[in-house]
Amino acid sequence: MRLPTLLWIVSISLFALIISTFVFAWFTVTSYIRSSAFQQFASIQLNQLLRAEGKLEPISLQDTTLSSNSYVAKGNEDSAFEIIKADNIRVHFNLAAIFFRTWEIEKIQVSTLNIRLNAEPKNELDHSAITGLSSNFPIAFLLPTKLKIKEVIIEDTNLSWAMPSKDNPPTIRYGTLKQSKLSLVPKDNGSWEARGYGGKVNTPSYVTHSSLMMDYYRLLVDIPEFKIIEAKANGINGGTIFVKGDLKFSDVISANIDYTIGDFPSDDLLPNPLKDHISGTINSHGKLIHAEETLSIQGKVNLNQGYITGLPSLQKLHNLTKLHDLLRLKLDKAQLDFDYQDSENFRLENIRLESNEILKLMGSLSASSKQLNGSLDVGTTDRLLSFVPGAKSQVFTISREKYHWAAPPMTVTGTTDSFKEDLSPRLQKAFIGEIQDTVEDTVEKGAEIIKKGTESIQEVLPGIIEGFGF
């Protein structure tokens, strides 16, 4: 046989062998992918990745795309979540990488992902469905053993997380993020970079009207720790919130978050009953710290275009003075520093409230286990003082800038349910004292006039009598 013919036959044979090997390998791989052994393998890989115990529904194969209806799992003790459920999963993989014993996933697409973070103690899950690779599957030792994921895209992400509650008996409330689009890309150190867009956030435990529309967020995820690189949310009625910081979800949430609030409507942020009496836009920046079961929010806050309405004390002042400005008191300046744990424990410092030509308030106020302690400098002007006899001469005795200041400063005591202040009694005492002095002075002057009048009459009367010839 001639050499060229021999080479041709050898080439044909090698080509046929390669094709046959490829076909056999493809048949073997596709058969394996459709098998329960691969379903178990994929479940194990997901469980290890998520630190969970769960099961992937049966897998179908179309070209180079794997499909599964759902994956449901419960988190381990060191997991960031309690329950996770993914629906309509599509996995696009690189066929060539199989020959390097690697499952290389170009993209995972998930229609809907529901996750509950930091929930109740985990229940035991039946391990019988997750037993690992079948040892009697043909040439299992040649199949890929590594997993490499390039990107995960979730069209509809829904998160919920437990919120602290001091109710008696204790209750569990949940914050939520609904209908957000999320993409995940793995990093070299084993963490994931998450980028999300859109969605609606609710945090019912802290504020009354707390719905936010998520603009965007960017996180680094290293379960159970989350680092918020940047995130922005918009209020439904205006205003923005920017946050960054660290979160850790385990049996107890821990958080160290920096926030900035810009031009947020007070009605959408303040709790009852404050929102019934205070209006304006809020600007604030500070830090939210949550450790164990303790929540602390520290920062500075400013109220712009602020007004105070509906307070009984202002109504009483209006009835006395007839100043219509008191019915809707404009705050030209309203700012303070705060450290807030709950409605029974807080500290307000560097308080500065001012309504030009009417009232100015400066000082501090704190509460510990509902017990109040405060000292406030109160200044006002002649517009008000002229209607309260004795107030300027006996209470507001210090003149500084354009205000008359109460001396000593007003003290606040009592409880958060029923507080007391010592300024009103001082004003009442001054008012009564001034009225008494006025009455006594009037009576004394009247008696003197009567006495002098009587003496004059006694002196003049004889001459008059004599003049008429009596």
Protein backbone atom coordinates (compact mmCIF):
# COMPACT_ATOMS: atom_id res chain seq x y z
CA MET A 1 0.00 0.00 0.00
CA ARG A 2 1.33 3.34 -0.93
CA LEU A 3 2.33 5.77 1.81
CA PRO A 4 -0.10 8.59 0.82
CA THR A 5 -2.98 6.12 0.86
CA LEU A 6 -1.89 4.83 4.24
CA LEU A 7 -1.68 8.35 5.64
CA TRP A 8 -5.13 9.08 4.25
CA ILE A 9 -6.59 5.98 5.89
CA VAL A 10 -4.88 6.80 9.20
CA SER A 11 -6.19 10.37 9.04
CA ILE A 12 -9.72 9.16 8.32
CA SER A 13 -9.48 6.71 11.18
CA LEU A 14 -8.18 9.31 13.62
CA PHE A 15 -10.92 11.74 12.58
CA ALA A 16 -13.54 9.03 12.99
CA LEU A 17 -12.07 8.15 16.38
CA ILE A 18 -12.18 11.78 17.50
CA ILE A 19 -15.75 12.19 16.30
CA SER A 20 -16.74 8.93 17.92
CA THR A 21 -15.05 9.97 21.16
CA PHE A 22 -16.76 13.34 21.08
CA VAL A 23 -20.15 11.77 20.35
CA PHE A 24 -19.63 9.19 23.06
CA ALA A 25 -18.49 11.86 25.51
CA TRP A 26 -21.42 14.10 24.62
CA PHE A 27 -23.83 11.21 24.95
CA THR A 28 -22.28 10.29 28.28
CA VAL A 29 -22.37 13.85 29.58
CA THR A 30 -25.92 14.53 28.43
CA SER A 31 -27.08 11.23 29.86
CA TYR A 32 -25.39 12.11 33.13
CA ILE A 33 -26.96 15.60 33.14
CA ARG A 34 -30.39 14.07 32.74
CA SER A 35 -29.73 11.57 35.52
CA SER A 36 -30.61 11.79 39.21
CA ALA A 37 -26.88 11.64 40.00
CA PHE A 38 -26.28 15.01 38.35
CA GLN A 39 -29.32 16.44 40.08
CA GLN A 40 -27.75 15.37 43.38
CA PHE A 41 -24.35 16.78 42.32
CA ALA A 42 -25.89 20.15 41.39
CA SER A 43 -27.81 20.23 44.69
CA ILE A 44 -24.61 19.59 46.62
CA GLN A 45 -22.76 22.35 44.77
CA LEU A 46 -25.56 24.84 45.43
CA ASN A 47 -25.77 23.80 49.07
CA GLN A 48 -22.05 24.28 49.57
CA LEU A 49 -22.11 27.63 47.80
CA LEU A 50 -25.07 28.93 49.82
CA ARG A 51 -24.32 27.11 53.10
CA ALA A 52 -27.74 25.54 52.91
CA GLU A 53 -29.58 22.26 52.80
CA GLY A 54 -31.88 22.01 49.81
CA LYS A 55 -32.85 20.22 46.65
CA LEU A 56 -32.91 21.11 42.97
CA GLU A 57 -35.90 19.93 40.98
CA PRO A 58 -35.27 17.54 38.01
CA ILE A 59 -33.11 19.01 35.26
CA SER A 60 -33.80 19.11 31.52
CA LEU A 61 -31.28 19.81 28.75
CA GLN A 62 -31.79 21.76 25.54
CA ASP A 63 -28.63 22.32 23.46
CA THR A 64 -26.25 23.86 26.04
CA THR A 65 -28.94 25.15 28.38
CA LEU A 66 -30.01 23.38 31.56
CA SER A 67 -33.43 24.07 33.05
CA SER A 68 -35.04 23.35 36.39
CA ASN A 69 -38.36 24.49 37.77
CA SER A 70 -37.06 25.38 41.22
CA TYR A 71 -34.50 25.10 43.99
CA VAL A 72 -35.71 25.22 47.63
CA ALA A 73 -33.40 25.25 50.65
CA LYS A 74 -33.12 26.10 54.33
CA GLY A 75 -30.04 27.87 55.58
CA ASN A 76 -27.47 26.28 57.87
CA GLU A 77 -26.62 27.79 61.24
CA ASP A 78 -23.92 29.96 59.66
CA SER A 79 -26.01 30.95 56.65
CA ALA A 80 -27.29 34.45 55.94
CA PHE A 81 -30.84 33.25 55.34
CA GLU A 82 -33.51 30.96 56.71
CA ILE A 83 -35.35 30.04 53.52
CA ILE A 84 -34.52 30.47 49.85
CA LYS A 85 -36.63 29.57 46.82
CA ALA A 86 -35.61 30.09 43.18
CA ASP A 87 -38.09 29.51 40.34
CA ASN A 88 -37.59 28.94 36.59
CA ILE A 89 -33.83 28.43 36.57
CA ARG A 90 -31.92 28.50 33.27
CA VAL A 91 -28.20 27.62 33.17
CA HIS A 92 -26.09 28.36 30.08
CA PHE A 93 -22.80 26.44 30.19
CA ASN A 94 -19.62 26.23 28.12
CA LEU A 95 -19.50 22.83 26.46
CA ALA A 96 -15.76 22.92 25.74
CA ALA A 97 -14.87 23.33 29.42
CA ILE A 98 -16.31 19.89 30.17
CA PHE A 99 -13.22 18.34 28.56
CA PHE A 100 -11.15 20.18 31.19
CA ARG A 101 -13.30 18.58 33.90
CA THR A 102 -14.97 21.90 34.72
CA TRP A 103 -18.62 22.87 34.76
CA GLU A 104 -18.18 26.41 33.41
CA ILE A 105 -21.41 28.35 33.71
CA GLU A 106 -21.59 31.37 31.45
CA LYS A 107 -24.83 32.63 32.94
CA ILE A 108 -27.51 31.55 35.40
CA GLN A 109 -30.90 33.16 34.89
CA VAL A 110 -33.58 33.01 37.59
CA SER A 111 -37.09 34.37 37.05
CA THR A 112 -38.02 34.78 40.73
CA LEU A 113 -35.94 34.54 43.89
CA ASN A 114 -37.50 34.67 47.37
CA ILE A 115 -35.21 34.85 50.41
CA ARG A 116 -36.01 35.26 54.09
CA LEU A 117 -32.98 36.55 56.00
CA ASN A 118 -32.17 36.12 59.67
CA ALA A 119 -35.27 34.24 60.66
CA GLU A 120 -36.20 31.70 63.30
CA PRO A 121 -34.08 28.69 64.38
CA LYS A 122 -33.61 26.22 61.53
CA ASN A 123 -35.59 23.01 61.36
CA GLU A 124 -33.88 19.80 60.41
CA LEU A 125 -34.12 18.94 56.72
CA ASP A 126 -34.37 15.43 55.32
CA HIS A 127 -30.89 14.59 54.06
CA SER A 128 -31.98 11.47 52.19
CA ALA A 129 -32.46 13.39 48.92
CA ILE A 130 -28.89 14.70 48.95
CA THR A 131 -26.51 11.77 48.91
CA GLY A 132 -23.80 12.88 46.50
CA LEU A 133 -22.70 11.41 43.17
CA SER A 134 -23.73 7.92 42.22
CA SER A 135 -20.62 5.75 42.28
CA ASN A 136 -22.02 3.25 39.74
CA PHE A 137 -22.68 5.81 36.99
CA PRO A 138 -20.55 4.97 33.92
CA ILE A 139 -17.13 6.69 33.81
CA ALA A 140 -18.12 9.02 36.65
CA PHE A 141 -14.42 9.47 37.42
CA LEU A 142 -13.97 11.26 34.06
CA LEU A 143 -16.77 13.78 34.56
CA PRO A 144 -16.16 17.41 35.59
CA THR A 145 -15.57 17.91 39.30
CA LYS A 146 -15.12 21.72 39.39
CA LEU A 147 -17.73 24.43 39.17
CA LYS A 148 -17.10 27.90 37.77
CA ILE A 149 -19.88 30.49 37.57
CA LYS A 150 -19.39 33.73 35.64
CA GLU A 151 -22.68 35.56 36.26
CA VAL A 152 -26.08 35.17 37.90
CA ILE A 153 -29.04 37.31 36.83
CA ILE A 154 -32.27 37.40 38.85
CA GLU A 155 -35.20 39.18 37.24
CA ASP A 156 -37.42 39.42 40.33
CA THR A 157 -35.70 39.43 43.73
CA ASN A 158 -37.77 39.46 46.94
CA LEU A 159 -36.09 39.69 50.35
CA SER A 160 -37.52 39.76 53.85
CA TRP A 161 -35.72 40.12 57.17
CA ALA A 162 -36.74 40.04 60.83
CA MET A 163 -37.00 43.40 62.59
CA PRO A 164 -36.41 43.99 66.35
CA SER A 165 -39.57 44.17 68.42
CA LYS A 166 -40.11 45.05 72.08
CA ASP A 167 -43.77 44.15 72.04
CA ASN A 168 -45.13 42.19 74.96
CA PRO A 169 -45.56 39.40 74.10
CA PRO A 170 -42.74 39.66 71.52
CA THR A 171 -43.78 39.66 67.87
CA ILE A 172 -41.80 39.26 64.67
CA ARG A 173 -42.09 41.95 62.04
CA TYR A 174 -40.39 41.83 58.68
CA GLY A 175 -38.77 44.41 56.49
CA THR A 176 -39.02 43.65 52.79
CA LEU A 177 -37.46 44.38 49.42
CA LYS A 178 -39.73 43.37 46.56
CA GLN A 179 -39.40 43.14 42.78
CA SER A 180 -35.76 44.18 42.42
CA LYS A 181 -33.51 43.10 39.54
CA LEU A 182 -30.20 41.67 40.73
CA SER A 183 -26.94 40.51 39.13
CA LEU A 184 -24.14 38.61 40.88
CA VAL A 185 -20.54 38.22 39.76
CA PRO A 186 -18.00 36.10 41.70
CA LYS A 187 -14.75 37.68 42.94
CA ASP A 188 -11.35 36.00 43.18
CA ASN A 189 -11.47 35.86 47.00
CA GLY A 190 -14.66 33.80 47.02
CA SER A 191 -17.04 36.70 47.66
CA TRP A 192 -19.65 38.00 45.23
CA GLU A 193 -20.33 41.47 43.89
CA ALA A 194 -24.04 42.19 43.74
CA ARG A 195 -25.62 45.00 41.73
CA GLY A 196 -29.32 45.65 42.01
CA TYR A 197 -31.84 48.05 40.52
CA GLY A 198 -35.40 48.97 41.35
CA GLY A 199 -37.76 47.48 43.88
CA LYS A 200 -39.81 48.65 46.86
CA VAL A 201 -38.53 48.65 50.45
CA ASN A 202 -40.66 48.56 53.61
CA THR A 203 -39.29 48.78 57.17
CA PRO A 204 -42.39 48.89 59.38
CA SER A 205 -40.77 48.60 62.79
CA TYR A 206 -38.95 51.92 62.90
CA VAL A 207 -41.08 54.55 61.21
CA THR A 208 -44.74 54.93 60.36
CA HIS A 209 -44.69 55.57 56.62
CA SER A 210 -41.46 53.96 55.51
CA SER A 211 -42.02 52.74 51.95
CA LEU A 212 -39.07 53.52 49.70
CA MET A 213 -38.45 52.99 46.02
CA MET A 214 -35.00 51.48 45.58
CA ASP A 215 -32.94 53.25 42.91
CA TYR A 216 -29.78 51.13 42.95
CA TYR A 217 -27.48 49.22 45.30
CA ARG A 218 -24.06 47.65 45.12
CA LEU A 219 -22.85 45.06 47.64
CA LEU A 220 -19.99 42.70 48.36
CA VAL A 221 -21.39 39.43 49.66
CA ASP A 222 -19.32 36.99 51.69
CA ILE A 223 -22.00 34.98 53.45
CA PRO A 224 -23.09 35.72 56.14
CA GLU A 225 -21.51 39.18 55.80
CA PHE A 226 -22.68 41.93 53.44
CA LYS A 227 -20.77 45.12 52.71
CA ILE A 228 -22.91 47.88 51.26
CA ILE A 229 -20.61 49.79 48.91
CA GLU A 230 -23.35 52.24 47.98
CA ALA A 231 -27.13 52.27 47.84
CA LYS A 232 -29.75 54.89 47.03
CA ALA A 233 -33.49 54.88 47.66
CA ASN A 234 -36.14 57.50 46.88
CA GLY A 235 -39.17 58.42 48.95
CA ILE A 236 -42.55 57.90 47.35
CA ASN A 237 -43.36 61.59 47.89
CA GLY A 238 -39.83 62.89 47.33
CA GLY A 239 -36.51 62.85 49.12
CA THR A 240 -33.52 60.51 48.94
CA ILE A 241 -31.64 58.18 51.27
CA PHE A 242 -28.03 57.09 50.68
CA VAL A 243 -26.48 54.31 52.78
CA LYS A 244 -23.20 52.41 53.03
CA GLY A 245 -21.73 50.12 55.65
CA ASP A 246 -21.65 46.55 56.93
CA LEU A 247 -24.36 43.97 57.67
CA LYS A 248 -24.14 40.51 59.13
CA PHE A 249 -27.10 38.13 59.11
CA SER A 250 -26.95 35.15 61.45
CA ASP A 251 -29.09 34.30 64.47
CA VAL A 252 -28.97 38.03 65.31
CA ILE A 253 -28.60 40.93 62.88
CA SER A 254 -25.58 43.17 63.39
CA ALA A 255 -25.23 46.38 61.41
CA ASN A 256 -22.99 49.42 61.16
CA ILE A 257 -24.54 51.69 58.53
CA ASP A 258 -23.78 55.29 57.56
CA TYR A 259 -26.75 57.15 56.10
CA THR A 260 -27.60 60.50 54.51
CA ILE A 261 -31.18 61.72 54.14
CA GLY A 262 -31.94 64.59 51.77
CA ASP A 263 -35.13 66.69 51.52
CA PHE A 264 -37.37 63.93 52.85
CA PRO A 265 -41.01 64.89 53.63
CA SER A 266 -41.58 64.76 57.38
CA ASP A 267 -44.93 62.96 56.98
CA ASP A 268 -43.16 60.00 55.37
CA LEU A 269 -40.45 59.74 58.02
CA LEU A 270 -41.69 60.91 61.43
CA PRO A 271 -43.64 58.53 63.69
CA ASN A 272 -46.91 59.37 65.35
CA PRO A 273 -47.71 61.69 67.01
CA LEU A 274 -44.86 63.94 65.82
CA LYS A 275 -46.02 63.96 62.21
CA ASP A 276 -49.40 65.34 63.35
CA HIS A 277 -47.75 68.53 64.62
CA ILE A 278 -44.54 68.96 62.61
CA SER A 279 -44.26 69.52 58.87
CA GLY A 280 -41.37 70.31 56.54
CA THR A 281 -38.51 68.51 54.81
CA ILE A 282 -35.87 66.60 56.74
CA ASN A 283 -32.14 66.49 56.08
CA SER A 284 -30.02 64.23 58.23
CA HIS A 285 -26.80 62.26 58.32
CA GLY A 286 -25.53 59.79 60.87
CA LYS A 287 -25.02 56.16 61.74
CA LEU A 288 -27.28 53.19 62.46
CA ILE A 289 -25.77 50.56 64.77
CA HIS A 290 -27.45 47.28 65.61
CA ALA A 291 -25.77 44.78 67.91
CA GLU A 292 -27.39 41.89 69.77
CA GLU A 293 -30.89 43.24 70.47
CA THR A 294 -29.91 46.91 70.74
CA LEU A 295 -30.60 49.46 68.05
CA SER A 296 -29.00 52.89 68.09
CA ILE A 297 -29.39 55.68 65.54
CA GLN A 298 -27.01 58.61 65.96
CA GLY A 299 -26.73 61.72 63.88
CA LYS A 300 -27.71 65.29 63.11
CA VAL A 301 -31.04 66.44 61.73
CA ASN A 302 -32.32 69.68 60.21
CA LEU A 303 -35.93 70.57 59.43
CA ASN A 304 -36.31 72.94 56.49
CA GLN A 305 -39.46 74.93 55.72
CA GLY A 306 -40.72 73.73 59.08
CA TYR A 307 -44.02 74.50 60.78
CA ILE A 308 -45.58 73.49 64.11
CA THR A 309 -49.36 73.24 64.26
CA GLY A 310 -52.08 71.87 66.48
CA LEU A 311 -50.34 72.18 69.86
CA PRO A 312 -52.72 73.11 72.72
CA SER A 313 -50.11 75.45 74.24
CA LEU A 314 -49.89 77.45 71.00
CA GLN A 315 -53.68 77.63 70.85
CA LYS A 316 -53.77 79.03 74.38
CA LEU A 317 -51.13 81.62 73.53
CA HIS A 318 -53.14 82.61 70.47
CA ASN A 319 -56.28 83.03 72.57
CA LEU A 320 -54.33 85.31 74.90
CA THR A 321 -52.36 87.34 72.36
CA LYS A 322 -54.49 87.07 69.20
CA LEU A 323 -51.26 86.54 67.23
CA HIS A 324 -52.26 84.44 64.22
CA ASP A 325 -48.62 83.38 63.69
CA LEU A 326 -49.02 81.06 66.68
CA LEU A 327 -51.66 78.92 65.01
CA ARG A 328 -49.08 77.79 62.43
CA LEU A 329 -45.71 78.59 63.94
CA LYS A 330 -43.01 78.91 61.30
CA LEU A 331 -39.62 77.49 62.26
CA ASP A 332 -36.89 79.56 60.66
CA LYS A 333 -34.32 77.22 62.18
CA ALA A 334 -34.77 73.69 63.54
CA GLN A 335 -31.79 71.42 64.19
CA LEU A 336 -30.42 69.02 66.79
CA ASP A 337 -28.04 66.12 67.41
CA PHE A 338 -29.58 62.85 68.55
CA ASP A 339 -28.85 59.37 69.84
CA TYR A 340 -32.07 57.36 69.57
CA GLN A 341 -32.68 53.81 70.82
CA ASP A 342 -36.45 53.85 71.22
CA SER A 343 -39.25 56.11 72.46
CA GLU A 344 -38.19 55.45 76.07
CA ASN A 345 -34.44 55.91 75.67
CA PHE A 346 -32.92 58.78 73.69
CA ARG A 347 -30.67 61.81 73.93
CA LEU A 348 -31.20 65.13 72.11
CA GLU A 349 -28.37 67.65 72.22
CA ASN A 350 -27.55 71.01 70.66
CA ILE A 351 -31.26 71.67 70.19
CA ARG A 352 -31.82 74.92 68.33
CA LEU A 353 -35.36 75.95 67.39
CA GLU A 354 -36.19 79.48 66.32
CA SER A 355 -39.20 81.35 65.03
CA ASN A 356 -38.04 84.88 64.26
CA GLU A 357 -39.54 87.66 66.42
CA ILE A 358 -41.51 85.11 68.50
CA LEU A 359 -39.56 82.28 70.15
CA LYS A 360 -36.12 80.67 70.43
CA LEU A 361 -35.24 77.41 72.18
CA MET A 362 -31.76 75.96 72.88
CA GLY A 363 -30.49 73.13 75.08
CA SER A 364 -30.67 69.37 75.60
CA LEU A 365 -33.18 66.68 76.54
CA SER A 366 -32.72 62.99 77.35
CA ALA A 367 -34.76 59.98 78.43
CA SER A 368 -33.57 56.87 80.26
CA SER A 369 -36.16 54.16 80.85
CA LYS A 370 -38.86 56.78 80.21
CA GLN A 371 -37.44 59.22 82.82
CA LEU A 372 -36.92 62.66 81.31
CA ASN A 373 -34.16 65.12 82.13
CA GLY A 374 -33.74 68.35 80.20
CA SER A 375 -32.51 71.91 80.38
CA LEU A 376 -33.65 74.41 77.76
CA ASP A 377 -32.90 78.10 77.30
CA VAL A 378 -36.14 79.82 76.29
CA GLY A 379 -36.09 83.24 74.67
CA THR A 380 -38.98 85.37 73.44
CA THR A 381 -39.73 88.93 72.35
CA ASP A 382 -41.86 91.87 73.44
CA ARG A 383 -44.57 90.71 71.00
CA LEU A 384 -45.44 87.93 73.45
CA LEU A 385 -44.21 89.34 76.74
CA SER A 386 -46.44 92.40 76.48
CA PHE A 387 -49.45 90.14 76.93
CA VAL A 388 -48.18 88.43 80.10
CA PRO A 389 -47.88 90.82 83.06
CA GLY A 390 -44.76 90.21 85.12
CA ALA A 391 -43.11 87.87 82.59
CA LYS A 392 -40.45 90.31 81.44
CA SER A 393 -39.62 91.76 84.84
CA GLN A 394 -39.65 88.54 86.87
CA VAL A 395 -38.98 85.56 84.49
CA PHE A 396 -37.44 86.69 81.18
CA THR A 397 -34.92 88.93 82.88
CA ILE A 398 -31.87 88.50 80.62
CA SER A 399 -31.71 90.41 77.33
CA ARG A 400 -29.37 89.01 74.69
CA GLU A 401 -29.36 89.49 70.93
CA LYS A 402 -32.99 90.29 70.08
CA TYR A 403 -34.59 88.05 72.72
CA HIS A 404 -35.44 88.15 76.41
CA TRP A 405 -34.33 84.91 78.09
CA ALA A 406 -35.84 83.03 81.00
CA ALA A 407 -33.52 82.86 84.02
CA PRO A 408 -32.82 80.21 85.14
CA PRO A 409 -33.32 77.99 82.04
CA MET A 410 -36.43 75.83 81.84
CA THR A 411 -36.04 72.31 83.26
CA VAL A 412 -37.98 69.30 81.97
CA THR A 413 -38.68 66.28 84.20
CA GLY A 414 -41.24 63.50 84.51
CA THR A 415 -41.68 60.69 82.02
CA THR A 416 -42.13 60.34 78.28
CA ASP A 417 -45.82 59.68 78.97
CA SER A 418 -46.31 62.68 81.26
CA PHE A 419 -43.64 65.39 81.34
CA LYS A 420 -43.35 68.46 83.54
CA GLU A 421 -41.64 71.80 82.96
CA ASP A 422 -41.02 74.57 85.47
CA LEU A 423 -41.49 77.62 83.21
CA SER A 424 -45.29 77.72 83.28
CA PRO A 425 -45.50 77.81 87.11
CA ARG A 426 -42.98 80.66 87.17
CA LEU A 427 -45.00 82.62 84.62
CA GLN A 428 -48.19 81.99 86.58
CA LYS A 429 -46.57 83.14 89.79
CA ALA A 430 -45.20 86.25 88.10
CA PHE A 431 -48.60 87.01 86.55
CA ILE A 432 -50.45 86.67 89.86
CA GLY A 433 -47.81 88.69 91.69
CA GLU A 434 -47.99 91.48 89.12
CA ILE A 435 -51.80 91.59 89.33
CA GLN A 436 -51.71 91.66 93.13
CA ASP A 437 -49.14 94.47 93.12
CA THR A 438 -51.26 96.39 90.62
CA VAL A 439 -54.44 95.96 92.67
CA GLU A 440 -52.73 96.88 95.93
CA ASP A 441 -51.11 99.89 94.31
CA THR A 442 -54.44 100.95 92.82
CA VAL A 443 -56.24 100.63 96.16
CA GLU A 444 -53.49 102.50 97.98
CA LYS A 445 -53.52 105.36 95.45
CA GLY A 446 -57.32 105.48 95.55
CA ALA A 447 -57.37 105.77 99.35
CA GLU A 448 -54.80 108.57 99.22
CA ILE A 449 -56.89 110.49 96.68
CA ILE A 450 -60.03 110.07 98.78
CA LYS A 451 -58.18 111.22 101.87
CA LYS A 452 -56.79 114.30 100.13
CA GLY A 453 -60.19 115.02 98.63
CA THR A 454 -61.85 114.85 102.01
CA GLU A 455 -59.27 117.15 103.53
CA SER A 456 -59.77 119.64 100.72
CA ILE A 457 -63.51 119.59 101.12
CA GLN A 458 -63.18 120.14 104.86
CA GLU A 459 -60.98 123.16 104.20
CA VAL A 460 -63.16 124.71 101.49
CA LEU A 461 -66.60 123.94 102.82
CA PRO A 462 -66.67 126.54 105.70
CA GLY A 463 -65.78 129.37 103.34
CA ILE A 464 -68.54 128.33 100.94
CA ILE A 465 -71.07 128.27 103.78
CA GLU A 466 -69.89 131.65 104.99
CA GLY A 467 -70.11 133.07 101.48
CA PHE A 468 -73.77 132.17 101.19
CA GLY A 469 -74.48 134.07 104.44
CA PHE A 470 -75.34 131.07 106.58
